[in-house]
Amino acid sequence: MKDFMINMMAAMMPYMKPLMWLGVIAAAIGVILLLVHMVTRANTGGWVLLTGRIALGFSIFFFGCQLAGYFLGAAPGINFGDFQKMEFNIVPFWQIGAAFLVSALILGFFGGRTRQA
């Protein structure tokens, strides 16, 4: 079972960086919608709340991947460096999950406040 999970983790690692960028895009859309609401008083509160929940889902996912990596004896992370230049700027999954958690809490707090019944 542990070998299967290690193989799955190795197979998933190339897809983690694009997945992280999808979460960043979702959180950025939420911030943009929040700013649109603050400037124009448009009814975007529901959408802000939705993007906050999407960011929370990414946060839970990356925290879970970090726990699974520790269970398997690895330290999972995403390299933001350049492989050709031998640069390794590895960011652990828990830090990425924490960033998504903070953005989800901010979007959820303000998204719930800007929502009109």
PDB file of N, CA and C in Angstrom:
ATOM      1  N   MET A   1       0.825  -1.197   0.000  1.00  0.00           N
ATOM      2  CA  MET A   1       0.000   0.000   0.000  1.00  0.00           C
ATOM      3  C   MET A   1       0.870   1.261   0.000  1.00  0.00           C
ATOM      4  N   LYS A   2       1.936   1.230   0.800  1.00  0.00           N
ATOM      5  CA  LYS A   2       2.808   2.390   0.877  1.00  0.00           C
ATOM      6  C   LYS A   2       3.532   2.619  -0.455  1.00  0.00           C
ATOM      7  N   ASP A   3       3.932   1.541  -1.119  1.00  0.00           N
ATOM      8  CA  ASP A   3       4.572   1.679  -2.436  1.00  0.00           C
ATOM      9  C   ASP A   3       3.618   2.282  -3.456  1.00  0.00           C
ATOM     10  N   PHE A   4       2.355   1.869  -3.394  1.00  0.00           N
ATOM     11  CA  PHE A   4       1.350   2.411  -4.302  1.00  0.00           C
ATOM     12  C   PHE A   4       1.182   3.912  -4.078  1.00  0.00           C
ATOM     13  N   MET A   5       1.138   4.331  -2.820  1.00  0.00           N
ATOM     14  CA  MET A   5       0.973   5.748  -2.511  1.00  0.00           C
ATOM     15  C   MET A   5       2.202   6.558  -2.930  1.00  0.00           C
ATOM     16  N   ILE A   6       3.388   6.000  -2.768  1.00  0.00           N
ATOM     17  CA  ILE A   6       4.599   6.696  -3.201  1.00  0.00           C
ATOM     18  C   ILE A   6       4.601   6.856  -4.722  1.00  0.00           C
ATOM     19  N   ASN A   7       4.191   5.812  -5.440  1.00  0.00           N
ATOM     20  CA  ASN A   7       4.107   5.898  -6.905  1.00  0.00           C
ATOM     21  C   ASN A   7       3.069   6.928  -7.346  1.00  0.00           C
ATOM     22  N   MET A   8       1.946   6.977  -6.646  1.00  0.00           N
ATOM     23  CA  MET A   8       0.915   7.964  -6.970  1.00  0.00           C
ATOM     24  C   MET A   8       1.408   9.383  -6.682  1.00  0.00           C
ATOM     25  N   MET A   9       2.143   9.546  -5.601  1.00  0.00           N
ATOM     26  CA  MET A   9       2.682  10.858  -5.256  1.00  0.00           C
ATOM     27  C   MET A   9       3.692  11.319  -6.311  1.00  0.00           C
ATOM     28  N   ALA A  10       4.530  10.403  -6.755  1.00  0.00           N
ATOM     29  CA  ALA A  10       5.508  10.746  -7.797  1.00  0.00           C
ATOM     30  C   ALA A  10       4.814  11.071  -9.118  1.00  0.00           C
ATOM     31  N   ALA A  11       3.718  10.396  -9.403  1.00  0.00           N
ATOM     32  CA  ALA A  11       2.989  10.655 -10.643  1.00  0.00           C
ATOM     33  C   ALA A  11       2.233  11.987 -10.599  1.00  0.00           C
ATOM     34  N   MET A  12       1.806  12.395  -9.418  1.00  0.00           N
ATOM     35  CA  MET A  12       1.031  13.626  -9.284  1.00  0.00           C
ATOM     36  C   MET A  12       1.884  14.884  -9.195  1.00  0.00           C
ATOM     37  N   MET A  13       3.144  14.771  -8.825  1.00  0.00           N
ATOM     38  CA  MET A  13       3.967  15.955  -8.579  1.00  0.00           C
ATOM     39  C   MET A  13       4.057  16.922  -9.768  1.00  0.00           C
ATOM     40  N   PRO A  14       4.148  16.466 -11.013  1.00  0.00           N
ATOM     41  CA  PRO A  14       4.201  17.451 -12.111  1.00  0.00           C
ATOM     42  C   PRO A  14       2.924  18.278 -12.263  1.00  0.00           C
ATOM     43  N   TYR A  15       1.811  17.783 -11.740  1.00  0.00           N
ATOM     44  CA  TYR A  15       0.536  18.479 -11.894  1.00  0.00           C
ATOM     45  C   TYR A  15       0.217  19.397 -10.717  1.00  0.00           C
ATOM     46  N   MET A  16       1.054  19.431  -9.711  1.00  0.00           N
ATOM     47  CA  MET A  16       0.753  20.228  -8.533  1.00  0.00           C
ATOM     48  C   MET A  16       0.950  21.720  -8.776  1.00  0.00           C
ATOM     49  N   LYS A  17       1.947  22.090  -9.554  1.00  0.00           N
ATOM     50  CA  LYS A  17       2.178  23.517  -9.814  1.00  0.00           C
ATOM     51  C   LYS A  17       1.035  24.135 -10.628  1.00  0.00           C
ATOM     52  N   PRO A  18       0.565  23.495 -11.716  1.00  0.00           N
ATOM     53  CA  PRO A  18      -0.605  24.066 -12.411  1.00  0.00           C
ATOM     54  C   PRO A  18      -1.853  24.101 -11.536  1.00  0.00           C
ATOM     55  N   LEU A  19      -2.010  23.105 -10.669  1.00  0.00           N
ATOM     56  CA  LEU A  19      -3.148  23.090  -9.764  1.00  0.00           C
ATOM     57  C   LEU A  19      -3.070  24.249  -8.776  1.00  0.00           C
ATOM     58  N   MET A  20      -1.859  24.535  -8.308  1.00  0.00           N
ATOM     59  CA  MET A  20      -1.674  25.662  -7.409  1.00  0.00           C
ATOM     60  C   MET A  20      -2.018  26.970  -8.115  1.00  0.00           C
ATOM     61  N   TRP A  21      -1.615  27.098  -9.384  1.00  0.00           N
ATOM     62  CA  TRP A  21      -1.925  28.319 -10.123  1.00  0.00           C
ATOM     63  C   TRP A  21      -3.426  28.475 -10.356  1.00  0.00           C
ATOM     64  N   LEU A  22      -4.167  27.382 -10.495  1.00  0.00           N
ATOM     65  CA  LEU A  22      -5.631  27.479 -10.590  1.00  0.00           C
ATOM     66  C   LEU A  22      -6.226  28.060  -9.311  1.00  0.00           C
ATOM     67  N   GLY A  23      -5.696  27.637  -8.184  1.00  0.00           N
ATOM     68  CA  GLY A  23      -6.148  28.199  -6.909  1.00  0.00           C
ATOM     69  C   GLY A  23      -5.800  29.670  -6.774  1.00  0.00           C
ATOM     70  N   VAL A  24      -4.621  30.047  -7.247  1.00  0.00           N
ATOM     71  CA  VAL A  24      -4.225  31.461  -7.209  1.00  0.00           C
ATOM     72  C   VAL A  24      -5.161  32.290  -8.086  1.00  0.00           C
ATOM     73  N   ILE A  25      -5.506  31.767  -9.255  1.00  0.00           N
ATOM     74  CA  ILE A  25      -6.423  32.474 -10.149  1.00  0.00           C
ATOM     75  C   ILE A  25      -7.791  32.633  -9.497  1.00  0.00           C
ATOM     76  N   ALA A  26      -8.276  31.585  -8.843  1.00  0.00           N
ATOM     77  CA  ALA A  26      -9.577  31.662  -8.169  1.00  0.00           C
ATOM     78  C   ALA A  26      -9.548  32.701  -7.050  1.00  0.00           C
ATOM     79  N   ALA A  27      -8.480  32.707  -6.251  1.00  0.00           N
ATOM     80  CA  ALA A  27      -8.380  33.689  -5.173  1.00  0.00           C
ATOM     81  C   ALA A  27      -8.239  35.100  -5.733  1.00  0.00           C
ATOM     82  N   ALA A  28      -7.513  35.256  -6.830  1.00  0.00           N
ATOM     83  CA  ALA A  28      -7.355  36.579  -7.439  1.00  0.00           C
ATOM     84  C   ALA A  28      -8.679  37.086  -7.995  1.00  0.00           C
ATOM     85  N   ILE A  29      -9.465  36.206  -8.586  1.00  0.00           N
ATOM     86  CA  ILE A  29     -10.786  36.602  -9.077  1.00  0.00           C
ATOM     87  C   ILE A  29     -11.656  37.061  -7.912  1.00  0.00           C
ATOM     88  N   GLY A  30     -11.560  36.367  -6.783  1.00  0.00           N
ATOM     89  CA  GLY A  30     -12.311  36.776  -5.602  1.00  0.00           C
ATOM     90  C   GLY A  30     -11.901  38.149  -5.104  1.00  0.00           C
ATOM     91  N   VAL A  31     -10.603  38.424  -5.094  1.00  0.00           N
ATOM     92  CA  VAL A  31     -10.131  39.745  -4.665  1.00  0.00           C
ATOM     93  C   VAL A  31     -10.598  40.821  -5.641  1.00  0.00           C
ATOM     94  N   ILE A  32     -10.540  40.532  -6.939  1.00  0.00           N
ATOM     95  CA  ILE A  32     -11.009  41.498  -7.939  1.00  0.00           C
ATOM     96  C   ILE A  32     -12.497  41.766  -7.769  1.00  0.00           C
ATOM     97  N   LEU A  33     -13.279  40.720  -7.559  1.00  0.00           N
ATOM     98  CA  LEU A  33     -14.715  40.917  -7.344  1.00  0.00           C
ATOM     99  C   LEU A  33     -14.993  41.695  -6.065  1.00  0.00           C
ATOM    100  N   LEU A  34     -14.194  41.470  -5.037  1.00  0.00           N
ATOM    101  CA  LEU A  34     -14.346  42.222  -3.790  1.00  0.00           C
ATOM    102  C   LEU A  34     -14.048  43.701  -4.023  1.00  0.00           C
ATOM    103  N   LEU A  35     -12.994  43.982  -4.795  1.00  0.00           N
ATOM    104  CA  LEU A  35     -12.670  45.374  -5.108  1.00  0.00           C
ATOM    105  C   LEU A  35     -13.755  46.017  -5.963  1.00  0.00           C
ATOM    106  N   VAL A  36     -14.320  45.262  -6.906  1.00  0.00           N
ATOM    107  CA  VAL A  36     -15.421  45.781  -7.723  1.00  0.00           C
ATOM    108  C   VAL A  36     -16.608  46.126  -6.839  1.00  0.00           C
ATOM    109  N   HIS A  37     -16.883  45.290  -5.860  1.00  0.00           N
ATOM    110  CA  HIS A  37     -17.986  45.578  -4.941  1.00  0.00           C
ATOM    111  C   HIS A  37     -17.700  46.836  -4.119  1.00  0.00           C
ATOM    112  N   MET A  38     -16.466  46.975  -3.666  1.00  0.00           N
ATOM    113  CA  MET A  38     -16.139  48.134  -2.836  1.00  0.00           C
ATOM    114  C   MET A  38     -16.218  49.439  -3.630  1.00  0.00           C
ATOM    115  N   VAL A  39     -15.893  49.392  -4.922  1.00  0.00           N
ATOM    116  CA  VAL A  39     -15.896  50.605  -5.735  1.00  0.00           C
ATOM    117  C   VAL A  39     -17.289  50.918  -6.265  1.00  0.00           C
ATOM    118  N   THR A  40     -17.977  49.912  -6.797  1.00  0.00           N
ATOM    119  CA  THR A  40     -19.249  50.174  -7.476  1.00  0.00           C
ATOM    120  C   THR A  40     -20.480  49.721  -6.691  1.00  0.00           C
ATOM    121  N   ARG A  41     -20.282  49.072  -5.568  1.00  0.00           N
ATOM    122  CA  ARG A  41     -21.389  48.511  -4.762  1.00  0.00           C
ATOM    123  C   ARG A  41     -22.228  47.518  -5.562  1.00  0.00           C
ATOM    124  N   ALA A  42     -21.568  46.794  -6.484  1.00  0.00           N
ATOM    125  CA  ALA A  42     -22.252  45.751  -7.240  1.00  0.00           C
ATOM    126  C   ALA A  42     -22.510  44.561  -6.320  1.00  0.00           C
ATOM    127  N   ASN A  43     -23.505  43.779  -6.655  1.00  0.00           N
ATOM    128  CA  ASN A  43     -23.867  42.631  -5.835  1.00  0.00           C
ATOM    129  C   ASN A  43     -22.980  41.442  -6.212  1.00  0.00           C
ATOM    130  N   THR A  44     -21.726  41.447  -5.764  1.00  0.00           N
ATOM    131  CA  THR A  44     -20.788  40.363  -6.058  1.00  0.00           C
ATOM    132  C   THR A  44     -20.469  39.536  -4.827  1.00  0.00           C
ATOM    133  N   GLY A  45     -21.193  39.753  -3.738  1.00  0.00           N
ATOM    134  CA  GLY A  45     -20.880  39.066  -2.482  1.00  0.00           C
ATOM    135  C   GLY A  45     -20.956  37.552  -2.579  1.00  0.00           C
ATOM    136  N   GLY A  46     -21.927  37.034  -3.313  1.00  0.00           N
ATOM    137  CA  GLY A  46     -22.054  35.589  -3.466  1.00  0.00           C
ATOM    138  C   GLY A  46     -20.878  34.992  -4.221  1.00  0.00           C
ATOM    139  N   TRP A  47     -20.409  35.714  -5.236  1.00  0.00           N
ATOM    140  CA  TRP A  47     -19.266  35.239  -6.010  1.00  0.00           C
ATOM    141  C   TRP A  47     -17.982  35.320  -5.197  1.00  0.00           C
ATOM    142  N   VAL A  48     -17.852  36.356  -4.403  1.00  0.00           N
ATOM    143  CA  VAL A  48     -16.675  36.476  -3.529  1.00  0.00           C
ATOM    144  C   VAL A  48     -16.663  35.318  -2.534  1.00  0.00           C
ATOM    145  N   LEU A  49     -17.829  35.023  -1.983  1.00  0.00           N
ATOM    146  CA  LEU A  49     -17.934  33.903  -1.044  1.00  0.00           C
ATOM    147  C   LEU A  49     -17.613  32.581  -1.729  1.00  0.00           C
ATOM    148  N   LEU A  50     -18.054  32.403  -2.967  1.00  0.00           N
ATOM    149  CA  LEU A  50     -17.767  31.176  -3.711  1.00  0.00           C
ATOM    150  C   LEU A  50     -16.272  31.014  -3.969  1.00  0.00           C
ATOM    151  N   THR A  51     -15.600  32.084  -4.395  1.00  0.00           N
ATOM    152  CA  THR A  51     -14.162  31.988  -4.637  1.00  0.00           C
ATOM    153  C   THR A  51     -13.407  31.758  -3.335  1.00  0.00           C
ATOM    154  N   GLY A  52     -13.922  32.286  -2.238  1.00  0.00           N
ATOM    155  CA  GLY A  52     -13.313  31.999  -0.940  1.00  0.00           C
ATOM    156  C   GLY A  52     -13.435  30.531  -0.577  1.00  0.00           C
ATOM    157  N   ARG A  53     -14.558  29.938  -0.902  1.00  0.00           N
ATOM    158  CA  ARG A  53     -14.736  28.504  -0.623  1.00  0.00           C
ATOM    159  C   ARG A  53     -13.863  27.651  -1.530  1.00  0.00           C
ATOM    160  N   ILE A  54     -13.666  28.095  -2.762  1.00  0.00           N
ATOM    161  CA  ILE A  54     -12.758  27.379  -3.662  1.00  0.00           C
ATOM    162  C   ILE A  54     -11.335  27.448  -3.112  1.00  0.00           C
ATOM    163  N   ALA A  55     -10.931  28.619  -2.633  1.00  0.00           N
ATOM    164  CA  ALA A  55      -9.599  28.760  -2.036  1.00  0.00           C
ATOM    165  C   ALA A  55      -9.476  27.891  -0.790  1.00  0.00           C
ATOM    166  N   LEU A  56     -10.552  27.774  -0.017  1.00  0.00           N
ATOM    167  CA  LEU A  56     -10.532  26.895   1.155  1.00  0.00           C
ATOM    168  C   LEU A  56     -10.361  25.439   0.740  1.00  0.00           C
ATOM    169  N   GLY A  57     -11.001  25.043  -0.356  1.00  0.00           N
ATOM    170  CA  GLY A  57     -10.832  23.683  -0.870  1.00  0.00           C
ATOM    171  C   GLY A  57      -9.396  23.409  -1.283  1.00  0.00           C
ATOM    172  N   PHE A  58      -8.763  24.379  -1.941  1.00  0.00           N
ATOM    173  CA  PHE A  58      -7.350  24.222  -2.293  1.00  0.00           C
ATOM    174  C   PHE A  58      -6.479  24.159  -1.048  1.00  0.00           C
ATOM    175  N   SER A  59      -6.836  24.931  -0.039  1.00  0.00           N
ATOM    176  CA  SER A  59      -6.082  24.910   1.208  1.00  0.00           C
ATOM    177  C   SER A  59      -6.143  23.532   1.863  1.00  0.00           C
ATOM    178  N   ILE A  60      -7.320  22.976   1.955  1.00  0.00           N
ATOM    179  CA  ILE A  60      -7.486  21.647   2.543  1.00  0.00           C
ATOM    180  C   ILE A  60      -6.734  20.607   1.726  1.00  0.00           C
ATOM    181  N   PHE A  61      -6.782  20.736   0.403  1.00  0.00           N
ATOM    182  CA  PHE A  61      -6.087  19.798  -0.463  1.00  0.00           C
ATOM    183  C   PHE A  61      -4.580  19.833  -0.231  1.00  0.00           C
ATOM    184  N   PHE A  62      -3.987  21.023  -0.186  1.00  0.00           N
ATOM    185  CA  PHE A  62      -2.538  21.113  -0.010  1.00  0.00           C
ATOM    186  C   PHE A  62      -2.109  20.710   1.400  1.00  0.00           C
ATOM    187  N   PHE A  63      -2.914  21.012   2.415  1.00  0.00           N
ATOM    188  CA  PHE A  63      -2.597  20.521   3.759  1.00  0.00           C
ATOM    189  C   PHE A  63      -2.658  18.992   3.810  1.00  0.00           C
ATOM    190  N   GLY A  64      -3.662  18.422   3.151  1.00  0.00           N
ATOM    191  CA  GLY A  64      -3.775  16.963   3.094  1.00  0.00           C
ATOM    192  C   GLY A  64      -2.614  16.320   2.364  1.00  0.00           C
ATOM    193  N   CYS A  65      -2.174  16.945   1.271  1.00  0.00           N
ATOM    194  CA  CYS A  65      -1.005  16.421   0.539  1.00  0.00           C
ATOM    195  C   CYS A  65       0.251  16.496   1.395  1.00  0.00           C
ATOM    196  N   GLN A  66       0.386  17.549   2.195  1.00  0.00           N
ATOM    197  CA  GLN A  66       1.543  17.665   3.079  1.00  0.00           C
ATOM    198  C   GLN A  66       1.515  16.550   4.126  1.00  0.00           C
ATOM    199  N   LEU A  67       0.348  16.289   4.700  1.00  0.00           N
ATOM    200  CA  LEU A  67       0.243  15.213   5.693  1.00  0.00           C
ATOM    201  C   LEU A  67       0.524  13.850   5.070  1.00  0.00           C
ATOM    202  N   ALA A  68       0.010  13.625   3.879  1.00  0.00           N
ATOM    203  CA  ALA A  68       0.272  12.352   3.202  1.00  0.00           C
ATOM    204  C   ALA A  68       1.757  12.214   2.874  1.00  0.00           C
ATOM    205  N   GLY A  69       2.392  13.309   2.492  1.00  0.00           N
ATOM    206  CA  GLY A  69       3.826  13.269   2.210  1.00  0.00           C
ATOM    207  C   GLY A  69       4.634  12.946   3.451  1.00  0.00           C
ATOM    208  N   TYR A  70       4.259  13.530   4.578  1.00  0.00           N
ATOM    209  CA  TYR A  70       4.959  13.202   5.824  1.00  0.00           C
ATOM    210  C   TYR A  70       4.743  11.749   6.214  1.00  0.00           C
ATOM    211  N   PHE A  71       3.532  11.236   5.958  1.00  0.00           N
ATOM    212  CA  PHE A  71       3.248   9.831   6.246  1.00  0.00           C
ATOM    213  C   PHE A  71       4.134   8.909   5.415  1.00  0.00           C
ATOM    214  N   LEU A  72       4.425   9.331   4.181  1.00  0.00           N
ATOM    215  CA  LEU A  72       5.241   8.517   3.287  1.00  0.00           C
ATOM    216  C   LEU A  72       6.739   8.770   3.457  1.00  0.00           C
ATOM    217  N   GLY A  73       7.108   9.683   4.334  1.00  0.00           N
ATOM    218  CA  GLY A  73       8.519   9.954   4.579  1.00  0.00           C
ATOM    219  C   GLY A  73       9.134  10.922   3.599  1.00  0.00           C
ATOM    220  N   ALA A  74       8.323  11.778   2.991  1.00  0.00           N
ATOM    221  CA  ALA A  74       8.826  12.756   2.026  1.00  0.00           C
ATOM    222  C   ALA A  74       8.459  14.153   2.514  1.00  0.00           C
ATOM    223  N   ALA A  75       9.095  15.128   1.947  1.00  0.00           N
ATOM    224  CA  ALA A  75       8.777  16.524   2.238  1.00  0.00           C
ATOM    225  C   ALA A  75       8.288  17.159   0.936  1.00  0.00           C
ATOM    226  N   PRO A  76       6.986  17.063   0.644  1.00  0.00           N
ATOM    227  CA  PRO A  76       6.497  17.562  -0.642  1.00  0.00           C
ATOM    228  C   PRO A  76       6.565  19.083  -0.728  1.00  0.00           C
ATOM    229  N   GLY A  77       6.891  19.555  -1.916  1.00  0.00           N
ATOM    230  CA  GLY A  77       6.975  20.989  -2.150  1.00  0.00           C
ATOM    231  C   GLY A  77       7.003  21.272  -3.636  1.00  0.00           C
ATOM    232  N   ILE A  78       6.835  22.528  -3.969  1.00  0.00           N
ATOM    233  CA  ILE A  78       6.859  22.970  -5.359  1.00  0.00           C
ATOM    234  C   ILE A  78       8.109  23.805  -5.560  1.00  0.00           C
ATOM    235  N   ASN A  79       8.836  23.507  -6.618  1.00  0.00           N
ATOM    236  CA  ASN A  79      10.057  24.239  -6.930  1.00  0.00           C
ATOM    237  C   ASN A  79       9.721  25.436  -7.807  1.00  0.00           C
ATOM    238  N   PHE A  80      10.014  26.641  -7.312  1.00  0.00           N
ATOM    239  CA  PHE A  80       9.807  27.855  -8.083  1.00  0.00           C
ATOM    240  C   PHE A  80      11.101  28.334  -8.729  1.00  0.00           C
ATOM    241  N   GLY A  81      12.150  27.537  -8.628  1.00  0.00           N
ATOM    242  CA  GLY A  81      13.417  27.884  -9.248  1.00  0.00           C
ATOM    243  C   GLY A  81      13.494  27.376 -10.675  1.00  0.00           C
ATOM    244  N   ASP A  82      14.630  27.617 -11.309  1.00  0.00           N
ATOM    245  CA  ASP A  82      14.862  27.199 -12.688  1.00  0.00           C
ATOM    246  C   ASP A  82      15.758  25.969 -12.679  1.00  0.00           C
ATOM    247  N   PHE A  83      15.261  24.861 -13.254  1.00  0.00           N
ATOM    248  CA  PHE A  83      16.040  23.619 -13.263  1.00  0.00           C
ATOM    249  C   PHE A  83      17.319  23.753 -14.088  1.00  0.00           C
ATOM    250  N   GLN A  84      17.260  24.502 -15.182  1.00  0.00           N
ATOM    251  CA  GLN A  84      18.431  24.627 -16.047  1.00  0.00           C
ATOM    252  C   GLN A  84      19.568  25.372 -15.353  1.00  0.00           C
ATOM    253  N   LYS A  85      19.239  26.302 -14.496  1.00  0.00           N
ATOM    254  CA  LYS A  85      20.254  27.062 -13.766  1.00  0.00           C
ATOM    255  C   LYS A  85      20.587  26.438 -12.410  1.00  0.00           C
ATOM    256  N   MET A  86      20.011  25.291 -12.131  1.00  0.00           N
ATOM    257  CA  MET A  86      20.193  24.591 -10.863  1.00  0.00           C
ATOM    258  C   MET A  86      19.746  25.447  -9.669  1.00  0.00           C
ATOM    259  N   GLU A  87      18.642  26.149  -9.844  1.00  0.00           N
ATOM    260  CA  GLU A  87      18.059  26.936  -8.768  1.00  0.00           C
ATOM    261  C   GLU A  87      16.923  26.127  -8.155  1.00  0.00           C
ATOM    262  N   PHE A  88      16.934  26.034  -6.860  1.00  0.00           N
ATOM    263  CA  PHE A  88      15.903  25.276  -6.158  1.00  0.00           C
ATOM    264  C   PHE A  88      15.308  26.147  -5.069  1.00  0.00           C
ATOM    265  N   ASN A  89      14.167  26.713  -5.351  1.00  0.00           N
ATOM    266  CA  ASN A  89      13.396  27.488  -4.376  1.00  0.00           C
ATOM    267  C   ASN A  89      12.148  26.676  -4.047  1.00  0.00           C
ATOM    268  N   ILE A  90      12.296  25.716  -3.186  1.00  0.00           N
ATOM    269  CA  ILE A  90      11.214  24.781  -2.893  1.00  0.00           C
ATOM    270  C   ILE A  90      10.346  25.337  -1.769  1.00  0.00           C
ATOM    271  N   VAL A  91       9.050  25.436  -2.062  1.00  0.00           N
ATOM    272  CA  VAL A  91       8.078  25.903  -1.084  1.00  0.00           C
ATOM    273  C   VAL A  91       7.240  24.698  -0.661  1.00  0.00           C
ATOM    274  N   PRO A  92       7.208  24.379   0.644  1.00  0.00           N
ATOM    275  CA  PRO A  92       6.412  23.232   1.097  1.00  0.00           C
ATOM    276  C   PRO A  92       4.916  23.445   0.871  1.00  0.00           C
ATOM    277  N   PHE A  93       4.225  22.347   0.751  1.00  0.00           N
ATOM    278  CA  PHE A  93       2.784  22.405   0.512  1.00  0.00           C
ATOM    279  C   PHE A  93       2.036  23.088   1.648  1.00  0.00           C
ATOM    280  N   TRP A  94       2.520  22.947   2.884  1.00  0.00           N
ATOM    281  CA  TRP A  94       1.789  23.558   3.996  1.00  0.00           C
ATOM    282  C   TRP A  94       1.818  25.080   3.889  1.00  0.00           C
ATOM    283  N   GLN A  95       2.886  25.657   3.337  1.00  0.00           N
ATOM    284  CA  GLN A  95       2.924  27.110   3.171  1.00  0.00           C
ATOM    285  C   GLN A  95       1.955  27.566   2.082  1.00  0.00           C
ATOM    286  N   ILE A  96       1.842  26.774   1.032  1.00  0.00           N
ATOM    287  CA  ILE A  96       0.883  27.090  -0.026  1.00  0.00           C
ATOM    288  C   ILE A  96      -0.537  26.959   0.524  1.00  0.00           C
ATOM    289  N   GLY A  97      -0.780  25.907   1.297  1.00  0.00           N
ATOM    290  CA  GLY A  97      -2.087  25.738   1.922  1.00  0.00           C
ATOM    291  C   GLY A  97      -2.406  26.848   2.900  1.00  0.00           C
ATOM    292  N   ALA A  98      -1.400  27.326   3.638  1.00  0.00           N
ATOM    293  CA  ALA A  98      -1.629  28.420   4.575  1.00  0.00           C
ATOM    294  C   ALA A  98      -1.982  29.712   3.838  1.00  0.00           C
ATOM    295  N   ALA A  99      -1.337  29.953   2.701  1.00  0.00           N
ATOM    296  CA  ALA A  99      -1.667  31.145   1.909  1.00  0.00           C
ATOM    297  C   ALA A  99      -3.100  31.063   1.385  1.00  0.00           C
ATOM    298  N   PHE A 100      -3.508  29.882   0.930  1.00  0.00           N
ATOM    299  CA  PHE A 100      -4.894  29.718   0.482  1.00  0.00           C
ATOM    300  C   PHE A 100      -5.869  29.853   1.645  1.00  0.00           C
ATOM    301  N   LEU A 101      -5.487  29.383   2.825  1.00  0.00           N
ATOM    302  CA  LEU A 101      -6.356  29.501   3.999  1.00  0.00           C
ATOM    303  C   LEU A 101      -6.556  30.958   4.376  1.00  0.00           C
ATOM    304  N   VAL A 102      -5.494  31.741   4.370  1.00  0.00           N
ATOM    305  CA  VAL A 102      -5.615  33.163   4.695  1.00  0.00           C
ATOM    306  C   VAL A 102      -6.500  33.871   3.674  1.00  0.00           C
ATOM    307  N   SER A 103      -6.286  33.587   2.397  1.00  0.00           N
ATOM    308  CA  SER A 103      -7.121  34.228   1.375  1.00  0.00           C
ATOM    309  C   SER A 103      -8.577  33.768   1.492  1.00  0.00           C
ATOM    310  N   ALA A 104      -8.793  32.502   1.826  1.00  0.00           N
ATOM    311  CA  ALA A 104     -10.160  32.005   1.985  1.00  0.00           C
ATOM    312  C   ALA A 104     -10.856  32.672   3.173  1.00  0.00           C
ATOM    313  N   LEU A 105     -10.130  32.868   4.272  1.00  0.00           N
ATOM    314  CA  LEU A 105     -10.724  33.522   5.430  1.00  0.00           C
ATOM    315  C   LEU A 105     -11.060  34.978   5.133  1.00  0.00           C
ATOM    316  N   ILE A 106     -10.172  35.667   4.437  1.00  0.00           N
ATOM    317  CA  ILE A 106     -10.438  37.069   4.083  1.00  0.00           C
ATOM    318  C   ILE A 106     -11.621  37.160   3.128  1.00  0.00           C
ATOM    319  N   LEU A 107     -11.624  36.338   2.083  1.00  0.00           N
ATOM    320  CA  LEU A 107     -12.731  36.378   1.120  1.00  0.00           C
ATOM    321  C   LEU A 107     -14.042  35.933   1.755  1.00  0.00           C
ATOM    322  N   GLY A 108     -13.978  34.927   2.627  1.00  0.00           N
ATOM    323  CA  GLY A 108     -15.193  34.475   3.296  1.00  0.00           C
ATOM    324  C   GLY A 108     -15.752  35.522   4.240  1.00  0.00           C
ATOM    325  N   PHE A 109     -14.865  36.218   4.952  1.00  0.00           N
ATOM    326  CA  PHE A 109     -15.312  37.254   5.884  1.00  0.00           C
ATOM    327  C   PHE A 109     -15.969  38.405   5.137  1.00  0.00           C
ATOM    328  N   PHE A 110     -15.267  38.923   4.136  1.00  0.00           N
ATOM    329  CA  PHE A 110     -15.819  40.070   3.407  1.00  0.00           C
ATOM    330  C   PHE A 110     -16.918  39.649   2.438  1.00  0.00           C
ATOM    331  N   GLY A 111     -16.844  38.437   1.901  1.00  0.00           N
ATOM    332  CA  GLY A 111     -17.884  37.971   0.990  1.00  0.00           C
ATOM    333  C   GLY A 111     -19.211  37.800   1.700  1.00  0.00           C
ATOM    334  N   GLY A 112     -19.176  37.340   2.930  1.00  0.00           N
ATOM    335  CA  GLY A 112     -20.409  37.221   3.706  1.00  0.00           C
ATOM    336  C   GLY A 112     -20.972  38.558   4.105  1.00  0.00           C
ATOM    337  N   ARG A 113     -20.102  39.545   4.300  1.00  0.00           N
ATOM    338  CA  ARG A 113     -20.545  40.884   4.685  1.00  0.00           C
ATOM    339  C   ARG A 113     -21.115  41.676   3.503  1.00  0.00           C
ATOM    340  N   THR A 114     -20.634  41.382   2.303  1.00  0.00           N
ATOM    341  CA  THR A 114     -21.084  42.142   1.126  1.00  0.00           C
ATOM    342  C   THR A 114     -22.294  41.522   0.464  1.00  0.00           C
ATOM    343  N   ARG A 115     -22.707  40.394   0.923  1.00  0.00           N
ATOM    344  CA  ARG A 115     -23.831  39.699   0.305  1.00  0.00           C
ATOM    345  C   ARG A 115     -25.144  40.364   0.675  1.00  0.00           C
ATOM    346  N   GLN A 116     -26.010  40.516  -0.310  1.00  0.00           N
ATOM    347  CA  GLN A 116     -27.316  41.128  -0.066  1.00  0.00           C
ATOM    348  C   GLN A 116     -28.383  40.047  -0.110  1.00  0.00           C
ATOM    349  N   ALA A 117     -29.309  40.122   0.823  1.00  0.00           N
ATOM    350  CA  ALA A 117     -30.363  39.112   0.902  1.00  0.00           C
ATOM    351  C   ALA A 117     -31.471  39.382  -0.083  1.00  0.00           C
TER     352      ALA A 117
END
